[in-house]
Amino acid sequence: MGDWGPVFVAVVMFIILTPGLLVQIPGRDKAVEFSSFHTSGPAILVHALIYFALICIFLLAIGVHVYIG
């Protein structure tokens, strides 16, 4: 079959790094807010940069691989 490692890592990180779900950086009133279920433009930008950096590390530098089948 195929290599499902990159797909799994990307989906899990996308869910975890959704602004406002678990953490929001920057928050509305504080620098970091937990489980606020709100978002803003700056928070989306910061979370996108964090996601890009982590996905590059996991997929390019570490080379995560999960073979099924």
PDB file of N, CA and C in Angstrom:
ATOM      1  N   MET A   1       0.843  -1.191   0.000  1.00  0.00           N
ATOM      2  CA  MET A   1       0.000   0.000   0.000  1.00  0.00           C
ATOM      3  C   MET A   1       0.877   1.239   0.000  1.00  0.00           C
ATOM      4  N   GLY A   2       0.414   2.247   0.682  1.00  0.00           N
ATOM      5  CA  GLY A   2       1.137   3.512   0.675  1.00  0.00           C
ATOM      6  C   GLY A   2       1.691   3.875   2.038  1.00  0.00           C
ATOM      7  N   ASP A   3       2.349   4.981   2.048  1.00  0.00           N
ATOM      8  CA  ASP A   3       2.933   5.512   3.275  1.00  0.00           C
ATOM      9  C   ASP A   3       1.937   6.488   3.903  1.00  0.00           C
ATOM     10  N   TRP A   4       1.335   6.100   5.023  1.00  0.00           N
ATOM     11  CA  TRP A   4       0.309   6.905   5.669  1.00  0.00           C
ATOM     12  C   TRP A   4       0.859   7.785   6.788  1.00  0.00           C
ATOM     13  N   GLY A   5       2.128   7.723   7.078  1.00  0.00           N
ATOM     14  CA  GLY A   5       2.734   8.524   8.138  1.00  0.00           C
ATOM     15  C   GLY A   5       2.557  10.020   7.955  1.00  0.00           C
ATOM     16  N   PRO A   6       2.922  10.571   6.786  1.00  0.00           N
ATOM     17  CA  PRO A   6       2.753  12.008   6.584  1.00  0.00           C
ATOM     18  C   PRO A   6       1.295  12.464   6.670  1.00  0.00           C
ATOM     19  N   VAL A   7       0.380  11.654   6.174  1.00  0.00           N
ATOM     20  CA  VAL A   7      -1.044  12.005   6.231  1.00  0.00           C
ATOM     21  C   VAL A   7      -1.520  12.034   7.675  1.00  0.00           C
ATOM     22  N   PHE A   8      -1.166  11.015   8.441  1.00  0.00           N
ATOM     23  CA  PHE A   8      -1.568  10.930   9.846  1.00  0.00           C
ATOM     24  C   PHE A   8      -0.998  12.095  10.648  1.00  0.00           C
ATOM     25  N   VAL A   9       0.278  12.383  10.482  1.00  0.00           N
ATOM     26  CA  VAL A   9       0.923  13.481  11.214  1.00  0.00           C
ATOM     27  C   VAL A   9       0.269  14.814  10.854  1.00  0.00           C
ATOM     28  N   ALA A  10       0.005  15.050   9.567  1.00  0.00           N
ATOM     29  CA  ALA A  10      -0.593  16.313   9.134  1.00  0.00           C
ATOM     30  C   ALA A  10      -2.001  16.494   9.691  1.00  0.00           C
ATOM     31  N   VAL A  11      -2.811  15.446   9.682  1.00  0.00           N
ATOM     32  CA  VAL A  11      -4.184  15.555  10.186  1.00  0.00           C
ATOM     33  C   VAL A  11      -4.204  15.770  11.693  1.00  0.00           C
ATOM     34  N   VAL A  12      -3.414  15.020  12.432  1.00  0.00           N
ATOM     35  CA  VAL A  12      -3.383  15.167  13.896  1.00  0.00           C
ATOM     36  C   VAL A  12      -2.869  16.547  14.283  1.00  0.00           C
ATOM     37  N   MET A  13      -1.822  17.015  13.625  1.00  0.00           N
ATOM     38  CA  MET A  13      -1.306  18.344  13.952  1.00  0.00           C
ATOM     39  C   MET A  13      -2.298  19.438  13.584  1.00  0.00           C
ATOM     40  N   PHE A  14      -3.023  19.280  12.483  1.00  0.00           N
ATOM     41  CA  PHE A  14      -4.022  20.263  12.098  1.00  0.00           C
ATOM     42  C   PHE A  14      -5.117  20.366  13.150  1.00  0.00           C
ATOM     43  N   ILE A  15      -5.567  19.231  13.655  1.00  0.00           N
ATOM     44  CA  ILE A  15      -6.612  19.232  14.690  1.00  0.00           C
ATOM     45  C   ILE A  15      -6.084  19.839  15.985  1.00  0.00           C
ATOM     46  N   ILE A  16      -4.899  19.456  16.398  1.00  0.00           N
ATOM     47  CA  ILE A  16      -4.336  19.956  17.658  1.00  0.00           C
ATOM     48  C   ILE A  16      -4.030  21.449  17.579  1.00  0.00           C
ATOM     49  N   LEU A  17      -3.552  21.906  16.430  1.00  0.00           N
ATOM     50  CA  LEU A  17      -3.138  23.312  16.302  1.00  0.00           C
ATOM     51  C   LEU A  17      -4.243  24.234  15.790  1.00  0.00           C
ATOM     52  N   THR A  18      -5.479  23.791  15.773  1.00  0.00           N
ATOM     53  CA  THR A  18      -6.577  24.671  15.396  1.00  0.00           C
ATOM     54  C   THR A  18      -6.701  25.777  16.445  1.00  0.00           C
ATOM     55  N   PRO A  19      -6.620  27.051  16.043  1.00  0.00           N
ATOM     56  CA  PRO A  19      -6.678  28.135  17.032  1.00  0.00           C
ATOM     57  C   PRO A  19      -7.968  28.102  17.839  1.00  0.00           C
ATOM     58  N   GLY A  20      -7.841  28.124  19.151  1.00  0.00           N
ATOM     59  CA  GLY A  20      -8.992  28.171  20.041  1.00  0.00           C
ATOM     60  C   GLY A  20      -9.456  26.816  20.526  1.00  0.00           C
ATOM     61  N   LEU A  21      -9.038  25.734  19.886  1.00  0.00           N
ATOM     62  CA  LEU A  21      -9.483  24.409  20.312  1.00  0.00           C
ATOM     63  C   LEU A  21      -8.811  24.010  21.618  1.00  0.00           C
ATOM     64  N   LEU A  22      -7.505  23.868  21.619  1.00  0.00           N
ATOM     65  CA  LEU A  22      -6.765  23.573  22.843  1.00  0.00           C
ATOM     66  C   LEU A  22      -6.071  24.811  23.389  1.00  0.00           C
ATOM     67  N   VAL A  23      -5.471  25.565  22.494  1.00  0.00           N
ATOM     68  CA  VAL A  23      -4.717  26.755  22.893  1.00  0.00           C
ATOM     69  C   VAL A  23      -4.838  27.799  21.786  1.00  0.00           C
ATOM     70  N   GLN A  24      -4.766  29.062  22.182  1.00  0.00           N
ATOM     71  CA  GLN A  24      -4.769  30.153  21.210  1.00  0.00           C
ATOM     72  C   GLN A  24      -3.637  31.106  21.542  1.00  0.00           C
ATOM     73  N   ILE A  25      -2.752  31.315  20.575  1.00  0.00           N
ATOM     74  CA  ILE A  25      -1.617  32.217  20.740  1.00  0.00           C
ATOM     75  C   ILE A  25      -1.686  33.242  19.617  1.00  0.00           C
ATOM     76  N   PRO A  26      -1.784  34.501  19.773  1.00  0.00           N
ATOM     77  CA  PRO A  26      -2.114  35.256  20.978  1.00  0.00           C
ATOM     78  C   PRO A  26      -3.609  35.193  21.254  1.00  0.00           C
ATOM     79  N   GLY A  27      -3.938  35.243  22.518  1.00  0.00           N
ATOM     80  CA  GLY A  27      -5.343  35.219  22.916  1.00  0.00           C
ATOM     81  C   GLY A  27      -5.976  36.596  22.819  1.00  0.00           C
ATOM     82  N   ARG A  28      -7.227  36.675  23.178  1.00  0.00           N
ATOM     83  CA  ARG A  28      -7.917  37.974  23.141  1.00  0.00           C
ATOM     84  C   ARG A  28      -7.464  38.887  24.274  1.00  0.00           C
ATOM     85  N   ASP A  29      -7.414  38.347  25.498  1.00  0.00           N
ATOM     86  CA  ASP A  29      -7.051  39.165  26.662  1.00  0.00           C
ATOM     87  C   ASP A  29      -5.654  38.874  27.180  1.00  0.00           C
ATOM     88  N   LYS A  30      -5.140  37.680  26.921  1.00  0.00           N
ATOM     89  CA  LYS A  30      -3.824  37.272  27.421  1.00  0.00           C
ATOM     90  C   LYS A  30      -2.974  36.831  26.242  1.00  0.00           C
ATOM     91  N   ALA A  31      -1.699  36.581  26.521  1.00  0.00           N
ATOM     92  CA  ALA A  31      -0.808  36.104  25.459  1.00  0.00           C
ATOM     93  C   ALA A  31      -1.177  34.696  25.022  1.00  0.00           C
ATOM     94  N   VAL A  32      -1.584  33.868  25.986  1.00  0.00           N
ATOM     95  CA  VAL A  32      -1.972  32.485  25.697  1.00  0.00           C
ATOM     96  C   VAL A  32      -3.287  32.201  26.405  1.00  0.00           C
ATOM     97  N   GLU A  33      -4.263  31.673  25.667  1.00  0.00           N
ATOM     98  CA  GLU A  33      -5.545  31.274  26.252  1.00  0.00           C
ATOM     99  C   GLU A  33      -5.785  29.809  25.938  1.00  0.00           C
ATOM    100  N   PHE A  34      -6.402  29.104  26.872  1.00  0.00           N
ATOM    101  CA  PHE A  34      -6.674  27.692  26.704  1.00  0.00           C
ATOM    102  C   PHE A  34      -8.171  27.451  26.530  1.00  0.00           C
ATOM    103  N   SER A  35      -8.528  26.647  25.531  1.00  0.00           N
ATOM    104  CA  SER A  35      -9.910  26.232  25.245  1.00  0.00           C
ATOM    105  C   SER A  35     -10.882  27.403  25.209  1.00  0.00           C
ATOM    106  N   SER A  36     -10.559  28.432  24.456  1.00  0.00           N
ATOM    107  CA  SER A  36     -11.427  29.605  24.383  1.00  0.00           C
ATOM    108  C   SER A  36     -12.494  29.463  23.302  1.00  0.00           C
ATOM    109  N   PHE A  37     -12.276  28.593  22.307  1.00  0.00           N
ATOM    110  CA  PHE A  37     -13.177  28.396  21.168  1.00  0.00           C
ATOM    111  C   PHE A  37     -13.421  29.686  20.399  1.00  0.00           C
ATOM    112  N   HIS A  38     -12.471  30.614  20.463  1.00  0.00           N
ATOM    113  CA  HIS A  38     -12.503  31.845  19.674  1.00  0.00           C
ATOM    114  C   HIS A  38     -11.219  31.903  18.866  1.00  0.00           C
ATOM    115  N   THR A  39     -11.216  32.712  17.831  1.00  0.00           N
ATOM    116  CA  THR A  39     -10.010  32.876  17.034  1.00  0.00           C
ATOM    117  C   THR A  39      -9.932  34.303  16.503  1.00  0.00           C
ATOM    118  N   SER A  40      -8.785  34.651  15.982  1.00  0.00           N
ATOM    119  CA  SER A  40      -8.571  35.971  15.404  1.00  0.00           C
ATOM    120  C   SER A  40      -7.551  35.841  14.278  1.00  0.00           C
ATOM    121  N   GLY A  41      -7.387  36.887  13.527  1.00  0.00           N
ATOM    122  CA  GLY A  41      -6.434  36.877  12.422  1.00  0.00           C
ATOM    123  C   GLY A  41      -5.003  36.613  12.861  1.00  0.00           C
ATOM    124  N   PRO A  42      -4.524  37.342  13.880  1.00  0.00           N
ATOM    125  CA  PRO A  42      -3.161  37.077  14.341  1.00  0.00           C
ATOM    126  C   PRO A  42      -2.973  35.648  14.871  1.00  0.00           C
ATOM    127  N   ALA A  43      -3.993  35.106  15.533  1.00  0.00           N
ATOM    128  CA  ALA A  43      -3.886  33.740  16.042  1.00  0.00           C
ATOM    129  C   ALA A  43      -3.797  32.742  14.891  1.00  0.00           C
ATOM    130  N   ILE A  44      -4.568  32.970  13.827  1.00  0.00           N
ATOM    131  CA  ILE A  44      -4.508  32.082  12.660  1.00  0.00           C
ATOM    132  C   ILE A  44      -3.121  32.134  12.033  1.00  0.00           C
ATOM    133  N   LEU A  45      -2.541  33.318  11.923  1.00  0.00           N
ATOM    134  CA  LEU A  45      -1.207  33.464  11.353  1.00  0.00           C
ATOM    135  C   LEU A  45      -0.155  32.758  12.204  1.00  0.00           C
ATOM    136  N   VAL A  46      -0.194  32.954  13.512  1.00  0.00           N
ATOM    137  CA  VAL A  46       0.779  32.321  14.404  1.00  0.00           C
ATOM    138  C   VAL A  46       0.647  30.804  14.354  1.00  0.00           C
ATOM    139  N   HIS A  47      -0.576  30.288  14.398  1.00  0.00           N
ATOM    140  CA  HIS A  47      -0.780  28.843  14.367  1.00  0.00           C
ATOM    141  C   HIS A  47      -0.359  28.259  13.017  1.00  0.00           C
ATOM    142  N   ALA A  48      -0.563  28.997  11.921  1.00  0.00           N
ATOM    143  CA  ALA A  48      -0.127  28.523  10.606  1.00  0.00           C
ATOM    144  C   ALA A  48       1.397  28.439  10.532  1.00  0.00           C
ATOM    145  N   LEU A  49       2.086  29.405  11.102  1.00  0.00           N
ATOM    146  CA  LEU A  49       3.550  29.369  11.117  1.00  0.00           C
ATOM    147  C   LEU A  49       4.069  28.221  11.976  1.00  0.00           C
ATOM    148  N   ILE A  50       3.443  28.002  13.123  1.00  0.00           N
ATOM    149  CA  ILE A  50       3.835  26.883  13.988  1.00  0.00           C
ATOM    150  C   ILE A  50       3.585  25.554  13.268  1.00  0.00           C
ATOM    151  N   TYR A  51       2.426  25.427  12.610  1.00  0.00           N
ATOM    152  CA  TYR A  51       2.093  24.207  11.865  1.00  0.00           C
ATOM    153  C   TYR A  51       3.129  23.965  10.760  1.00  0.00           C
ATOM    154  N   PHE A  52       3.459  24.996  10.000  1.00  0.00           N
ATOM    155  CA  PHE A  52       4.432  24.857   8.916  1.00  0.00           C
ATOM    156  C   PHE A  52       5.789  24.413   9.452  1.00  0.00           C
ATOM    157  N   ALA A  53       6.238  25.022  10.540  1.00  0.00           N
ATOM    158  CA  ALA A  53       7.538  24.659  11.111  1.00  0.00           C
ATOM    159  C   ALA A  53       7.534  23.209  11.594  1.00  0.00           C
ATOM    160  N   LEU A  54       6.486  22.800  12.301  1.00  0.00           N
ATOM    161  CA  LEU A  54       6.438  21.431  12.820  1.00  0.00           C
ATOM    162  C   LEU A  54       6.276  20.402  11.708  1.00  0.00           C
ATOM    163  N   ILE A  55       5.487  20.698  10.687  1.00  0.00           N
ATOM    164  CA  ILE A  55       5.301  19.741   9.597  1.00  0.00           C
ATOM    165  C   ILE A  55       6.611  19.568   8.822  1.00  0.00           C
ATOM    166  N   CYS A  56       7.376  20.640   8.676  1.00  0.00           N
ATOM    167  CA  CYS A  56       8.686  20.527   8.033  1.00  0.00           C
ATOM    168  C   CYS A  56       9.631  19.665   8.854  1.00  0.00           C
ATOM    169  N   ILE A  57       9.622  19.854  10.161  1.00  0.00           N
ATOM    170  CA  ILE A  57      10.495  19.061  11.025  1.00  0.00           C
ATOM    171  C   ILE A  57      10.111  17.588  10.979  1.00  0.00           C
ATOM    172  N   PHE A  58       8.822  17.293  11.146  1.00  0.00           N
ATOM    173  CA  PHE A  58       8.392  15.897  11.203  1.00  0.00           C
ATOM    174  C   PHE A  58       8.526  15.183   9.870  1.00  0.00           C
ATOM    175  N   LEU A  59       8.202  15.829   8.766  1.00  0.00           N
ATOM    176  CA  LEU A  59       8.182  15.136   7.485  1.00  0.00           C
ATOM    177  C   LEU A  59       9.521  15.191   6.746  1.00  0.00           C
ATOM    178  N   LEU A  60      10.222  16.298   6.847  1.00  0.00           N
ATOM    179  CA  LEU A  60      11.470  16.419   6.105  1.00  0.00           C
ATOM    180  C   LEU A  60      12.688  16.002   6.932  1.00  0.00           C
ATOM    181  N   ALA A  61      12.791  16.505   8.143  1.00  0.00           N
ATOM    182  CA  ALA A  61      13.970  16.222   8.946  1.00  0.00           C
ATOM    183  C   ALA A  61      13.940  14.847   9.588  1.00  0.00           C
ATOM    184  N   ILE A  62      12.811  14.493  10.204  1.00  0.00           N
ATOM    185  CA  ILE A  62      12.700  13.202  10.900  1.00  0.00           C
ATOM    186  C   ILE A  62      12.301  12.100   9.930  1.00  0.00           C
ATOM    187  N   GLY A  63      11.410  12.393   9.000  1.00  0.00           N
ATOM    188  CA  GLY A  63      10.978  11.400   8.024  1.00  0.00           C
ATOM    189  C   GLY A  63      10.033  10.365   8.627  1.00  0.00           C
ATOM    190  N   VAL A  64       8.898  10.802   9.108  1.00  0.00           N
ATOM    191  CA  VAL A  64       7.919   9.911   9.725  1.00  0.00           C
ATOM    192  C   VAL A  64       7.307   9.010   8.651  1.00  0.00           C
ATOM    193  N   HIS A  65       7.290   7.698   8.901  1.00  0.00           N
ATOM    194  CA  HIS A  65       6.721   6.742   7.959  1.00  0.00           C
ATOM    195  C   HIS A  65       5.888   5.715   8.700  1.00  0.00           C
ATOM    196  N   VAL A  66       4.685   5.447   8.199  1.00  0.00           N
ATOM    197  CA  VAL A  66       3.810   4.400   8.731  1.00  0.00           C
ATOM    198  C   VAL A  66       3.272   3.617   7.541  1.00  0.00           C
ATOM    199  N   TYR A  67       3.699   2.385   7.410  1.00  0.00           N
ATOM    200  CA  TYR A  67       3.247   1.557   6.293  1.00  0.00           C
ATOM    201  C   TYR A  67       2.165   0.616   6.774  1.00  0.00           C
ATOM    202  N   ILE A  68       1.048   0.600   6.059  1.00  0.00           N
ATOM    203  CA  ILE A  68      -0.091  -0.254   6.408  1.00  0.00           C
ATOM    204  C   ILE A  68      -0.308  -1.227   5.249  1.00  0.00           C
ATOM    205  N   GLY A  69      -0.423  -2.477   5.600  1.00  0.00           N
ATOM    206  CA  GLY A  69      -0.755  -3.459   4.568  1.00  0.00           C
ATOM    207  C   GLY A  69       0.299  -4.395   4.280  1.00  0.00           C
TER     208      GLY A  69
END
